[in-house]
Amino acid sequence: MPSQERASAAAAFKVLRRPQVPYGTLAAALFFLGQFSLFTYLRPFLETVTRVDVTTISALLLLMGVAGLIGTSIIGFVIRERLYASLIVMPFVMALIAVAVTAFGSSSVAIAPLMFLWGFIGTAAPVGWWTWVSKALPDDAEAGGGLMVAVVQLAITTGAAGGGVLFDYSGYQSTFLFSAVILALSSCVILVGALRRKARADARCAACVSASPAL
């Protein structure tokens, strides 16, 4: 659909001046960086650590895909009322999954449900981030969307490259624990942003009350 206003390239960076945008953008970057530093190397991990054959790997990836379909079907109902809570909880749970995969990676029985949960949350989470863009920038969604696309693509590339370096030099444990730390940081950053947003809202309400004429 045609836009009423044409956004310049610089407009994508101007939205960073909005109070909550830097927190959300950084949290989203950390989320995708952490997610893809692990996800990119699932196959070599499954081949060398879990030691499953190609057919089983395909079945596990299919399981993740089905879980993602279920997750994206459900997430809309959750973020409708609990957007910030969802953005805080999802990366934190994925960080716990990354730690669990590291600890129980040799067990195919344990890996299957962990991969289901990873697909369930990891595929649904981007819906939450794009919803955040529309909520945070309702009057400038085009510029915000452009900025988010650039940030996400850079984060995915950085995560895949960084995870690969760690995988080659230190093994899967370093890669997956790195993913867990980055995902936990994403949760912390959006939590700080949510708390600051609430504080600003409370301050505005207090100002409105104090400015209202006494009855």
N, C-alpha and C. Protein backbone atom coordinates (compact mmCIF):
# COMPACT_ATOMS: atom_id res chain seq x y z
N MET A 1 0.85 -1.19 0.00
CA MET A 1 0.00 0.00 0.00
C MET A 1 0.88 1.24 0.00
N PRO A 2 0.47 2.28 -0.73
CA PRO A 2 1.30 3.49 -0.77
C PRO A 2 1.35 4.18 0.59
N SER A 3 2.53 4.73 0.89
CA SER A 3 2.71 5.44 2.15
C SER A 3 2.37 6.91 1.97
N GLN A 4 1.79 7.52 2.99
CA GLN A 4 1.47 8.93 2.92
C GLN A 4 2.73 9.78 3.00
N GLU A 5 3.77 9.26 3.65
CA GLU A 5 5.02 9.98 3.76
C GLU A 5 6.15 9.08 3.31
N ARG A 6 7.11 9.67 2.60
CA ARG A 6 8.27 8.90 2.16
C ARG A 6 9.38 9.05 3.20
N ALA A 7 9.85 7.92 3.69
CA ALA A 7 10.89 7.94 4.71
C ALA A 7 12.26 7.86 4.06
N SER A 8 13.16 8.76 4.44
CA SER A 8 14.52 8.74 3.93
C SER A 8 15.34 7.72 4.70
N ALA A 9 16.57 7.47 4.18
CA ALA A 9 17.44 6.52 4.87
C ALA A 9 17.79 7.02 6.27
N ALA A 10 17.93 8.34 6.40
CA ALA A 10 18.28 8.90 7.71
C ALA A 10 17.15 8.75 8.71
N ALA A 11 15.91 8.67 8.20
CA ALA A 11 14.76 8.58 9.11
C ALA A 11 14.81 7.31 9.95
N ALA A 12 15.41 6.24 9.39
CA ALA A 12 15.50 4.99 10.14
C ALA A 12 16.34 5.16 11.40
N PHE A 13 17.34 6.05 11.35
CA PHE A 13 18.19 6.27 12.52
C PHE A 13 17.62 7.34 13.45
N LYS A 14 16.79 8.22 12.91
CA LYS A 14 16.18 9.25 13.74
C LYS A 14 15.23 8.66 14.78
N VAL A 15 14.62 7.52 14.44
CA VAL A 15 13.67 6.92 15.39
C VAL A 15 14.37 6.44 16.65
N LEU A 16 15.70 6.30 16.59
CA LEU A 16 16.44 5.88 17.78
C LEU A 16 16.39 6.93 18.88
N ARG A 17 15.96 8.15 18.53
CA ARG A 17 15.83 9.19 19.54
C ARG A 17 14.60 9.00 20.41
N ARG A 18 13.67 8.16 19.96
CA ARG A 18 12.48 7.90 20.77
C ARG A 18 12.90 7.17 22.05
N PRO A 19 12.26 7.46 23.18
CA PRO A 19 12.72 6.94 24.47
C PRO A 19 12.89 5.42 24.54
N GLN A 20 11.91 4.64 24.05
CA GLN A 20 11.97 3.20 24.24
C GLN A 20 12.62 2.45 23.07
N VAL A 21 12.86 3.15 21.96
CA VAL A 21 13.36 2.48 20.76
C VAL A 21 14.76 1.90 20.94
N PRO A 22 15.72 2.62 21.53
CA PRO A 22 17.06 2.02 21.68
C PRO A 22 17.05 0.71 22.47
N TYR A 23 16.24 0.64 23.52
CA TYR A 23 16.18 -0.59 24.32
C TYR A 23 15.60 -1.75 23.49
N GLY A 24 14.50 -1.49 22.81
CA GLY A 24 13.89 -2.55 22.01
C GLY A 24 14.76 -3.00 20.87
N THR A 25 15.42 -2.04 20.20
CA THR A 25 16.28 -2.37 19.08
C THR A 25 17.48 -3.20 19.54
N LEU A 26 18.10 -2.79 20.64
CA LEU A 26 19.24 -3.55 21.16
C LEU A 26 18.80 -4.93 21.62
N ALA A 27 17.66 -5.02 22.30
CA ALA A 27 17.17 -6.32 22.76
C ALA A 27 16.87 -7.24 21.58
N ALA A 28 16.27 -6.70 20.52
CA ALA A 28 15.98 -7.51 19.33
C ALA A 28 17.27 -7.99 18.68
N ALA A 29 18.27 -7.09 18.59
CA ALA A 29 19.55 -7.48 18.01
C ALA A 29 20.19 -8.61 18.80
N LEU A 30 20.17 -8.50 20.12
CA LEU A 30 20.74 -9.55 20.97
C LEU A 30 19.97 -10.85 20.83
N PHE A 31 18.64 -10.75 20.71
CA PHE A 31 17.83 -11.96 20.58
C PHE A 31 18.22 -12.74 19.33
N PHE A 32 18.23 -12.07 18.18
CA PHE A 32 18.53 -12.77 16.93
C PHE A 32 19.99 -13.21 16.86
N LEU A 33 20.88 -12.42 17.45
CA LEU A 33 22.29 -12.83 17.51
C LEU A 33 22.42 -14.12 18.31
N GLY A 34 21.80 -14.16 19.49
CA GLY A 34 21.87 -15.36 20.31
C GLY A 34 21.18 -16.55 19.69
N GLN A 35 20.04 -16.32 19.07
CA GLN A 35 19.29 -17.42 18.46
C GLN A 35 20.08 -18.09 17.34
N PHE A 36 20.66 -17.28 16.45
CA PHE A 36 21.29 -17.86 15.28
C PHE A 36 22.73 -18.30 15.52
N SER A 37 23.33 -17.87 16.63
CA SER A 37 24.64 -18.42 16.97
C SER A 37 24.52 -19.88 17.38
N LEU A 38 23.34 -20.28 17.87
CA LEU A 38 23.09 -21.68 18.19
C LEU A 38 22.43 -22.42 17.03
N PHE A 39 21.37 -21.85 16.49
CA PHE A 39 20.57 -22.55 15.48
C PHE A 39 21.40 -22.93 14.25
N THR A 40 22.33 -22.06 13.85
CA THR A 40 23.12 -22.31 12.65
C THR A 40 23.94 -23.59 12.75
N TYR A 41 24.29 -23.98 13.97
CA TYR A 41 25.20 -25.12 14.16
C TYR A 41 24.52 -26.32 14.80
N LEU A 42 23.19 -26.37 14.67
CA LEU A 42 22.48 -27.53 15.21
C LEU A 42 22.83 -28.81 14.47
N ARG A 43 22.95 -28.74 13.15
CA ARG A 43 23.21 -29.98 12.41
C ARG A 43 24.56 -30.59 12.78
N PRO A 44 25.67 -29.84 12.74
CA PRO A 44 26.93 -30.49 13.16
C PRO A 44 26.90 -30.95 14.61
N PHE A 45 26.17 -30.25 15.45
CA PHE A 45 26.02 -30.68 16.84
C PHE A 45 25.29 -32.01 16.91
N LEU A 46 24.20 -32.14 16.19
CA LEU A 46 23.43 -33.39 16.20
C LEU A 46 24.22 -34.54 15.61
N GLU A 47 25.04 -34.25 14.61
CA GLU A 47 25.83 -35.31 13.97
C GLU A 47 26.97 -35.78 14.86
N THR A 48 27.64 -34.86 15.54
CA THR A 48 28.87 -35.22 16.25
C THR A 48 28.68 -35.45 17.74
N VAL A 49 27.65 -34.85 18.34
CA VAL A 49 27.45 -34.97 19.79
C VAL A 49 26.29 -35.91 20.10
N THR A 50 25.12 -35.59 19.55
CA THR A 50 23.97 -36.47 19.77
C THR A 50 24.11 -37.77 18.98
N ARG A 51 24.86 -37.70 17.87
CA ARG A 51 25.16 -38.86 17.03
C ARG A 51 23.90 -39.54 16.50
N VAL A 52 23.10 -38.74 15.81
CA VAL A 52 21.92 -39.29 15.15
C VAL A 52 22.16 -39.27 13.64
N ASP A 53 21.43 -40.13 12.92
CA ASP A 53 21.63 -40.21 11.48
C ASP A 53 20.86 -39.10 10.76
N VAL A 54 21.05 -39.05 9.45
CA VAL A 54 20.46 -37.97 8.65
C VAL A 54 18.94 -37.99 8.73
N THR A 55 18.36 -39.18 8.73
CA THR A 55 16.90 -39.28 8.81
C THR A 55 16.37 -38.70 10.11
N THR A 56 17.05 -39.00 11.20
CA THR A 56 16.63 -38.48 12.51
C THR A 56 16.81 -36.98 12.58
N ILE A 57 17.90 -36.47 11.99
CA ILE A 57 18.11 -35.02 11.96
C ILE A 57 16.97 -34.35 11.21
N SER A 58 16.59 -34.92 10.08
CA SER A 58 15.49 -34.36 9.31
C SER A 58 14.19 -34.37 10.11
N ALA A 59 13.98 -35.45 10.85
CA ALA A 59 12.77 -35.55 11.68
C ALA A 59 12.79 -34.50 12.79
N LEU A 60 13.95 -34.28 13.39
CA LEU A 60 14.06 -33.28 14.46
C LEU A 60 13.83 -31.87 13.92
N LEU A 61 14.37 -31.59 12.73
CA LEU A 61 14.16 -30.27 12.13
C LEU A 61 12.70 -30.09 11.73
N LEU A 62 12.07 -31.18 11.28
CA LEU A 62 10.64 -31.12 10.98
C LEU A 62 9.85 -30.85 12.26
N LEU A 63 10.27 -31.47 13.34
CA LEU A 63 9.62 -31.24 14.64
C LEU A 63 9.72 -29.76 15.03
N MET A 64 10.88 -29.16 14.80
CA MET A 64 11.04 -27.74 15.09
C MET A 64 10.12 -26.90 14.22
N GLY A 65 9.98 -27.28 12.96
CA GLY A 65 9.10 -26.54 12.06
C GLY A 65 7.64 -26.61 12.49
N VAL A 66 7.20 -27.80 12.88
CA VAL A 66 5.83 -27.96 13.37
C VAL A 66 5.62 -27.15 14.64
N ALA A 67 6.61 -27.19 15.52
CA ALA A 67 6.53 -26.41 16.76
C ALA A 67 6.44 -24.92 16.46
N GLY A 68 7.21 -24.47 15.46
CA GLY A 68 7.15 -23.06 15.07
C GLY A 68 5.78 -22.67 14.53
N LEU A 69 5.17 -23.58 13.76
CA LEU A 69 3.83 -23.30 13.24
C LEU A 69 2.82 -23.15 14.38
N ILE A 70 2.93 -24.02 15.36
CA ILE A 70 2.04 -23.94 16.52
C ILE A 70 2.30 -22.65 17.29
N GLY A 71 3.59 -22.32 17.46
CA GLY A 71 3.94 -21.12 18.21
C GLY A 71 3.43 -19.85 17.57
N THR A 72 3.58 -19.73 16.25
CA THR A 72 3.11 -18.53 15.57
C THR A 72 1.59 -18.45 15.54
N SER A 73 0.93 -19.59 15.67
CA SER A 73 -0.54 -19.59 15.72
C SER A 73 -1.06 -19.11 17.07
N ILE A 74 -0.25 -19.32 18.11
CA ILE A 74 -0.68 -19.00 19.47
C ILE A 74 -0.21 -17.63 19.94
N ILE A 75 0.96 -17.20 19.46
CA ILE A 75 1.61 -16.02 20.03
C ILE A 75 0.76 -14.76 19.94
N GLY A 76 -0.07 -14.66 18.91
CA GLY A 76 -0.90 -13.47 18.76
C GLY A 76 -1.84 -13.25 19.94
N PHE A 77 -2.37 -14.33 20.48
CA PHE A 77 -3.27 -14.22 21.62
C PHE A 77 -2.52 -13.79 22.88
N VAL A 78 -1.25 -14.17 22.96
CA VAL A 78 -0.46 -13.86 24.15
C VAL A 78 0.00 -12.41 24.13
N ILE A 79 0.59 -11.97 23.01
CA ILE A 79 1.16 -10.62 22.96
C ILE A 79 0.10 -9.54 22.90
N ARG A 80 -1.13 -9.92 22.63
CA ARG A 80 -2.20 -8.92 22.58
C ARG A 80 -2.33 -8.20 23.92
N GLU A 81 -2.15 -8.92 25.00
CA GLU A 81 -2.27 -8.34 26.34
C GLU A 81 -0.94 -8.29 27.09
N ARG A 82 0.03 -9.09 26.69
CA ARG A 82 1.27 -9.22 27.45
C ARG A 82 2.49 -9.11 26.52
N LEU A 83 2.56 -8.03 25.78
CA LEU A 83 3.64 -7.91 24.80
C LEU A 83 5.01 -7.85 25.47
N TYR A 84 5.20 -6.91 26.39
CA TYR A 84 6.51 -6.76 27.01
C TYR A 84 6.88 -7.97 27.86
N ALA A 85 5.91 -8.52 28.56
CA ALA A 85 6.18 -9.72 29.35
C ALA A 85 6.65 -10.87 28.44
N SER A 86 6.04 -10.99 27.27
CA SER A 86 6.43 -12.05 26.33
C SER A 86 7.84 -11.82 25.82
N LEU A 87 8.17 -10.57 25.49
CA LEU A 87 9.50 -10.26 24.97
C LEU A 87 10.58 -10.47 26.02
N ILE A 88 10.22 -10.38 27.29
CA ILE A 88 11.16 -10.63 28.37
C ILE A 88 11.32 -12.14 28.60
N VAL A 89 10.22 -12.85 28.62
CA VAL A 89 10.24 -14.28 28.98
C VAL A 89 10.82 -15.14 27.86
N MET A 90 10.49 -14.85 26.60
CA MET A 90 10.89 -15.74 25.51
C MET A 90 12.41 -15.89 25.38
N PRO A 91 13.19 -14.81 25.33
CA PRO A 91 14.64 -15.03 25.25
C PRO A 91 15.22 -15.68 26.50
N PHE A 92 14.63 -15.41 27.66
CA PHE A 92 15.13 -16.03 28.89
C PHE A 92 14.92 -17.55 28.85
N VAL A 93 13.74 -17.97 28.41
CA VAL A 93 13.47 -19.41 28.31
C VAL A 93 14.39 -20.05 27.26
N MET A 94 14.63 -19.35 26.16
CA MET A 94 15.53 -19.89 25.14
C MET A 94 16.95 -19.99 25.67
N ALA A 95 17.35 -19.07 26.54
CA ALA A 95 18.67 -19.17 27.17
C ALA A 95 18.76 -20.44 28.03
N LEU A 96 17.69 -20.73 28.76
CA LEU A 96 17.66 -21.96 29.56
C LEU A 96 17.71 -23.20 28.66
N ILE A 97 17.02 -23.13 27.53
CA ILE A 97 17.05 -24.26 26.59
C ILE A 97 18.46 -24.47 26.06
N ALA A 98 19.16 -23.38 25.74
CA ALA A 98 20.54 -23.49 25.24
C ALA A 98 21.44 -24.16 26.27
N VAL A 99 21.27 -23.80 27.54
CA VAL A 99 22.05 -24.44 28.60
C VAL A 99 21.69 -25.92 28.70
N ALA A 100 20.40 -26.23 28.61
CA ALA A 100 19.96 -27.63 28.71
C ALA A 100 20.48 -28.45 27.53
N VAL A 101 20.49 -27.87 26.33
CA VAL A 101 21.02 -28.57 25.17
C VAL A 101 22.51 -28.87 25.37
N THR A 102 23.22 -27.91 25.94
CA THR A 102 24.65 -28.11 26.22
C THR A 102 24.86 -29.24 27.22
N ALA A 103 24.00 -29.29 28.23
CA ALA A 103 24.17 -30.29 29.30
C ALA A 103 23.72 -31.68 28.87
N PHE A 104 22.65 -31.76 28.07
CA PHE A 104 22.07 -33.07 27.74
C PHE A 104 22.16 -33.37 26.25
N GLY A 105 23.14 -32.78 25.60
CA GLY A 105 23.26 -32.93 24.15
C GLY A 105 23.47 -34.33 23.65
N SER A 106 24.03 -35.20 24.46
CA SER A 106 24.31 -36.56 24.01
C SER A 106 23.08 -37.46 24.04
N SER A 107 21.99 -36.98 24.62
CA SER A 107 20.77 -37.79 24.74
C SER A 107 19.74 -37.36 23.70
N SER A 108 19.43 -38.23 22.77
CA SER A 108 18.42 -37.91 21.76
C SER A 108 17.03 -37.80 22.37
N VAL A 109 16.82 -38.51 23.48
CA VAL A 109 15.52 -38.44 24.17
C VAL A 109 15.31 -37.05 24.75
N ALA A 110 16.36 -36.45 25.28
CA ALA A 110 16.25 -35.11 25.85
C ALA A 110 16.25 -34.04 24.77
N ILE A 111 16.98 -34.27 23.68
CA ILE A 111 17.12 -33.25 22.64
C ILE A 111 15.80 -33.00 21.93
N ALA A 112 14.99 -34.02 21.70
CA ALA A 112 13.75 -33.87 20.94
C ALA A 112 12.81 -32.83 21.57
N PRO A 113 12.45 -32.94 22.86
CA PRO A 113 11.57 -31.92 23.43
C PRO A 113 12.23 -30.54 23.51
N LEU A 114 13.55 -30.50 23.70
CA LEU A 114 14.25 -29.22 23.75
C LEU A 114 14.19 -28.52 22.39
N MET A 115 14.35 -29.29 21.33
CA MET A 115 14.26 -28.70 19.99
C MET A 115 12.84 -28.26 19.67
N PHE A 116 11.86 -29.02 20.18
CA PHE A 116 10.47 -28.60 20.01
C PHE A 116 10.24 -27.24 20.67
N LEU A 117 10.71 -27.09 21.90
CA LEU A 117 10.54 -25.82 22.61
C LEU A 117 11.30 -24.69 21.92
N TRP A 118 12.51 -24.99 21.42
CA TRP A 118 13.29 -23.97 20.71
C TRP A 118 12.53 -23.48 19.48
N GLY A 119 11.99 -24.41 18.70
CA GLY A 119 11.23 -24.03 17.52
C GLY A 119 9.95 -23.31 17.87
N PHE A 120 9.29 -23.75 18.93
CA PHE A 120 8.03 -23.15 19.37
C PHE A 120 8.22 -21.68 19.72
N ILE A 121 9.26 -21.39 20.50
CA ILE A 121 9.49 -20.02 20.95
C ILE A 121 10.24 -19.21 19.90
N GLY A 122 11.28 -19.80 19.33
CA GLY A 122 12.13 -19.05 18.41
C GLY A 122 11.42 -18.60 17.15
N THR A 123 10.47 -19.37 16.66
CA THR A 123 9.73 -18.98 15.46
C THR A 123 8.64 -17.98 15.79
N ALA A 124 8.09 -18.07 16.98
CA ALA A 124 7.01 -17.15 17.37
C ALA A 124 7.54 -15.79 17.81
N ALA A 125 8.75 -15.75 18.36
CA ALA A 125 9.29 -14.50 18.91
C ALA A 125 9.36 -13.36 17.91
N PRO A 126 9.77 -13.58 16.63
CA PRO A 126 9.78 -12.46 15.69
C PRO A 126 8.43 -11.77 15.54
N VAL A 127 7.34 -12.50 15.70
CA VAL A 127 6.02 -11.87 15.65
C VAL A 127 5.91 -10.83 16.76
N GLY A 128 6.43 -11.18 17.93
CA GLY A 128 6.43 -10.24 19.04
C GLY A 128 7.26 -9.01 18.76
N TRP A 129 8.43 -9.19 18.15
CA TRP A 129 9.29 -8.03 17.86
C TRP A 129 8.68 -7.10 16.83
N TRP A 130 8.04 -7.66 15.79
CA TRP A 130 7.42 -6.78 14.80
C TRP A 130 6.18 -6.11 15.36
N THR A 131 5.52 -6.78 16.27
CA THR A 131 4.40 -6.12 16.95
C THR A 131 4.92 -4.97 17.81
N TRP A 132 6.07 -5.17 18.44
CA TRP A 132 6.67 -4.09 19.23
C TRP A 132 6.96 -2.87 18.36
N VAL A 133 7.46 -3.10 17.14
CA VAL A 133 7.74 -1.98 16.23
C VAL A 133 6.47 -1.18 15.96
N SER A 134 5.37 -1.88 15.70
CA SER A 134 4.11 -1.18 15.41
C SER A 134 3.58 -0.44 16.62
N LYS A 135 3.86 -0.95 17.82
CA LYS A 135 3.40 -0.28 19.04
C LYS A 135 4.31 0.89 19.40
N ALA A 136 5.61 0.69 19.25
CA ALA A 136 6.57 1.73 19.64
C ALA A 136 6.59 2.89 18.65
N LEU A 137 6.31 2.59 17.37
CA LEU A 137 6.38 3.62 16.33
C LEU A 137 5.12 3.60 15.48
N PRO A 138 3.97 3.86 16.06
CA PRO A 138 2.73 3.80 15.29
C PRO A 138 2.66 4.86 14.19
N ASP A 139 3.37 5.96 14.37
CA ASP A 139 3.35 7.04 13.40
C ASP A 139 4.54 7.03 12.46
N ASP A 140 5.46 6.09 12.63
CA ASP A 140 6.66 6.03 11.80
C ASP A 140 7.10 4.59 11.62
N ALA A 141 6.14 3.73 11.32
CA ALA A 141 6.43 2.30 11.24
C ALA A 141 7.34 1.95 10.07
N GLU A 142 7.27 2.76 8.99
CA GLU A 142 8.12 2.46 7.83
C GLU A 142 9.59 2.61 8.18
N ALA A 143 9.95 3.72 8.82
CA ALA A 143 11.34 3.92 9.22
C ALA A 143 11.75 2.91 10.27
N GLY A 144 10.86 2.66 11.24
CA GLY A 144 11.17 1.68 12.27
C GLY A 144 11.34 0.29 11.70
N GLY A 145 10.50 -0.07 10.73
CA GLY A 145 10.62 -1.38 10.11
C GLY A 145 11.92 -1.52 9.34
N GLY A 146 12.32 -0.44 8.64
CA GLY A 146 13.59 -0.48 7.92
C GLY A 146 14.77 -0.65 8.86
N LEU A 147 14.73 0.08 9.96
CA LEU A 147 15.80 -0.06 10.96
C LEU A 147 15.83 -1.47 11.53
N MET A 148 14.67 -2.02 11.83
CA MET A 148 14.61 -3.36 12.43
C MET A 148 15.13 -4.42 11.47
N VAL A 149 14.78 -4.31 10.19
CA VAL A 149 15.28 -5.27 9.20
C VAL A 149 16.80 -5.24 9.15
N ALA A 150 17.37 -4.04 9.12
CA ALA A 150 18.83 -3.91 9.07
C ALA A 150 19.48 -4.49 10.32
N VAL A 151 18.91 -4.19 11.48
CA VAL A 151 19.46 -4.67 12.74
C VAL A 151 19.37 -6.20 12.82
N VAL A 152 18.23 -6.76 12.42
CA VAL A 152 18.04 -8.21 12.49
C VAL A 152 19.01 -8.93 11.55
N GLN A 153 19.16 -8.43 10.32
CA GLN A 153 20.05 -9.08 9.37
C GLN A 153 21.50 -9.02 9.85
N LEU A 154 21.90 -7.87 10.40
CA LEU A 154 23.25 -7.76 10.93
C LEU A 154 23.45 -8.70 12.11
N ALA A 155 22.44 -8.80 12.97
CA ALA A 155 22.54 -9.67 14.15
C ALA A 155 22.63 -11.14 13.73
N ILE A 156 21.84 -11.55 12.76
CA ILE A 156 21.87 -12.93 12.29
C ILE A 156 23.26 -13.27 11.73
N THR A 157 23.79 -12.37 10.90
CA THR A 157 25.11 -12.60 10.31
C THR A 157 26.20 -12.67 11.37
N THR A 158 26.14 -11.73 12.31
CA THR A 158 27.14 -11.71 13.39
C THR A 158 27.03 -12.95 14.26
N GLY A 159 25.80 -13.35 14.59
CA GLY A 159 25.61 -14.53 15.41
C GLY A 159 26.13 -15.79 14.74
N ALA A 160 25.81 -15.95 13.45
CA ALA A 160 26.28 -17.13 12.73
C ALA A 160 27.80 -17.16 12.64
N ALA A 161 28.40 -16.00 12.36
CA ALA A 161 29.86 -15.94 12.24
C ALA A 161 30.53 -16.17 13.59
N GLY A 162 30.05 -15.47 14.62
CA GLY A 162 30.65 -15.63 15.95
C GLY A 162 30.48 -17.03 16.50
N GLY A 163 29.29 -17.60 16.30
CA GLY A 163 29.06 -18.96 16.76
C GLY A 163 29.96 -19.95 16.04
N GLY A 164 30.21 -19.71 14.76
CA GLY A 164 31.08 -20.60 14.00
C GLY A 164 32.52 -20.56 14.48
N VAL A 165 33.00 -19.36 14.79
CA VAL A 165 34.37 -19.23 15.30
C VAL A 165 34.51 -20.00 16.62
N LEU A 166 33.54 -19.81 17.50
CA LEU A 166 33.58 -20.52 18.79
C LEU A 166 33.47 -22.02 18.60
N PHE A 167 32.60 -22.45 17.68
CA PHE A 167 32.40 -23.88 17.43
C PHE A 167 33.70 -24.51 16.93
N ASP A 168 34.41 -23.81 16.04
CA ASP A 168 35.63 -24.37 15.46
C ASP A 168 36.78 -24.43 16.48
N TYR A 169 36.87 -23.40 17.32
CA TYR A 169 38.04 -23.30 18.20
C TYR A 169 37.80 -23.82 19.61
N SER A 170 36.55 -23.81 20.07
CA SER A 170 36.31 -24.21 21.46
C SER A 170 35.25 -25.29 21.62
N GLY A 171 34.59 -25.67 20.53
CA GLY A 171 33.58 -26.70 20.62
C GLY A 171 32.17 -26.15 20.81
N TYR A 172 31.23 -27.06 20.75
CA TYR A 172 29.83 -26.64 20.80
C TYR A 172 29.46 -26.01 22.14
N GLN A 173 30.13 -26.42 23.23
CA GLN A 173 29.78 -25.86 24.54
C GLN A 173 29.93 -24.35 24.55
N SER A 174 31.03 -23.84 24.00
CA SER A 174 31.26 -22.40 23.97
C SER A 174 30.21 -21.70 23.12
N THR A 175 29.89 -22.28 21.98
CA THR A 175 28.89 -21.67 21.09
C THR A 175 27.53 -21.60 21.76
N PHE A 176 27.11 -22.70 22.36
CA PHE A 176 25.76 -22.74 22.93
C PHE A 176 25.66 -21.92 24.21
N LEU A 177 26.72 -21.90 25.01
CA LEU A 177 26.70 -21.08 26.21
C LEU A 177 26.78 -19.59 25.86
N PHE A 178 27.51 -19.28 24.80
CA PHE A 178 27.52 -17.90 24.29
C PHE A 178 26.10 -17.48 23.88
N SER A 179 25.40 -18.38 23.19
CA SER A 179 24.02 -18.12 22.82
C SER A 179 23.15 -17.86 24.05
N ALA A 180 23.34 -18.67 25.08
CA ALA A 180 22.55 -18.52 26.30
C ALA A 180 22.79 -17.16 26.96
N VAL A 181 24.05 -16.75 27.01
CA VAL A 181 24.38 -15.46 27.64
C VAL A 181 23.76 -14.31 26.85
N ILE A 182 23.87 -14.35 25.54
CA ILE A 182 23.34 -13.27 24.70
C ILE A 182 21.82 -13.20 24.81
N LEU A 183 21.16 -14.35 24.83
CA LEU A 183 19.70 -14.37 24.96
C LEU A 183 19.27 -13.83 26.32
N ALA A 184 20.01 -14.18 27.36
CA ALA A 184 19.71 -13.65 28.70
C ALA A 184 19.89 -12.13 28.73
N LEU A 185 20.92 -11.63 28.05
CA LEU A 185 21.12 -10.18 27.96
C LEU A 185 19.96 -9.50 27.24
N SER A 186 19.44 -10.14 26.20
CA SER A 186 18.28 -9.60 25.50
C SER A 186 17.10 -9.44 26.45
N SER A 187 16.88 -10.46 27.27
CA SER A 187 15.79 -10.41 28.24
C SER A 187 16.00 -9.26 29.23
N CYS A 188 17.24 -9.08 29.67
CA CYS A 188 17.53 -8.02 30.65
C CYS A 188 17.34 -6.64 30.04
N VAL A 189 17.77 -6.46 28.80
CA VAL A 189 17.66 -5.14 28.15
C VAL A 189 16.21 -4.74 27.96
N ILE A 190 15.38 -5.66 27.47
CA ILE A 190 13.98 -5.30 27.26
C ILE A 190 13.26 -5.13 28.59
N LEU A 191 13.71 -5.82 29.63
CA LEU A 191 13.15 -5.62 30.96
C LEU A 191 13.43 -4.19 31.44
N VAL A 192 14.67 -3.74 31.27
CA VAL A 192 15.02 -2.36 31.65
C VAL A 192 14.18 -1.36 30.84
N GLY A 193 14.04 -1.62 29.54
CA GLY A 193 13.22 -0.74 28.71
C GLY A 193 11.77 -0.71 29.16
N ALA A 194 11.22 -1.87 29.55
CA ALA A 194 9.83 -1.93 30.01
C ALA A 194 9.66 -1.17 31.32
N LEU A 195 10.63 -1.31 32.22
CA LEU A 195 10.55 -0.61 33.49
C LEU A 195 10.64 0.90 33.31
N ARG A 196 11.52 1.35 32.42
CA ARG A 196 11.62 2.78 32.14
C ARG A 196 10.36 3.31 31.48
N ARG A 197 9.78 2.48 30.61
CA ARG A 197 8.53 2.88 29.96
C ARG A 197 7.42 3.04 30.99
N LYS A 198 7.35 2.11 31.93
CA LYS A 198 6.34 2.20 32.98
C LYS A 198 6.57 3.42 33.87
N ALA A 199 7.85 3.70 34.17
CA ALA A 199 8.16 4.86 35.00
C ALA A 199 7.74 6.15 34.31
N ARG A 200 7.96 6.25 33.01
CA ARG A 200 7.54 7.45 32.27
C ARG A 200 6.02 7.58 32.26
N ALA A 201 5.34 6.44 32.08
CA ALA A 201 3.88 6.47 32.07
C ALA A 201 3.34 6.90 33.43
N ASP A 202 3.95 6.39 34.51
CA ASP A 202 3.52 6.77 35.85
C ASP A 202 3.77 8.26 36.10
N ALA A 203 4.90 8.76 35.60
CA ALA A 203 5.22 10.18 35.78
C ALA A 203 4.22 11.06 35.03
N ARG A 204 3.83 10.63 33.83
CA ARG A 204 2.85 11.40 33.08
C ARG A 204 1.50 11.41 33.80
N CYS A 205 1.11 10.25 34.35
CA CYS A 205 -0.15 10.19 35.07
C CYS A 205 -0.12 11.09 36.31
N ALA A 206 1.02 11.08 37.02
CA ALA A 206 1.15 11.93 38.19
C ALA A 206 1.09 13.40 37.82
N ALA A 207 1.70 13.75 36.68
CA ALA A 207 1.67 15.13 36.23
C ALA A 207 0.26 15.56 35.86
N CYS A 208 -0.48 14.64 35.21
CA CYS A 208 -1.86 14.96 34.83
C CYS A 208 -2.73 15.17 36.07
N VAL A 209 -2.52 14.33 37.08
CA VAL A 209 -3.31 14.43 38.30
C VAL A 209 -3.03 15.75 39.02
N SER A 210 -1.73 16.10 39.08
CA SER A 210 -1.37 17.33 39.80
C SER A 210 -1.84 18.58 39.04
N ALA A 211 -1.94 18.45 37.70
CA ALA A 211 -2.39 19.60 36.92
C ALA A 211 -3.89 19.75 36.87
N SER A 212 -4.63 18.70 37.29
CA SER A 212 -6.09 18.76 37.25
C SER A 212 -6.61 19.69 38.33
N PRO A 213 -7.62 20.49 38.03
CA PRO A 213 -8.18 21.39 39.05
C PRO A 213 -8.87 20.60 40.15
N ALA A 214 -8.70 21.06 41.37
CA ALA A 214 -9.34 20.39 42.51
C ALA A 214 -10.86 20.53 42.43
N LEU A 215 -11.56 19.50 42.81
CA LEU A 215 -13.02 19.53 42.77
C LEU A 215 -13.55 20.14 44.05
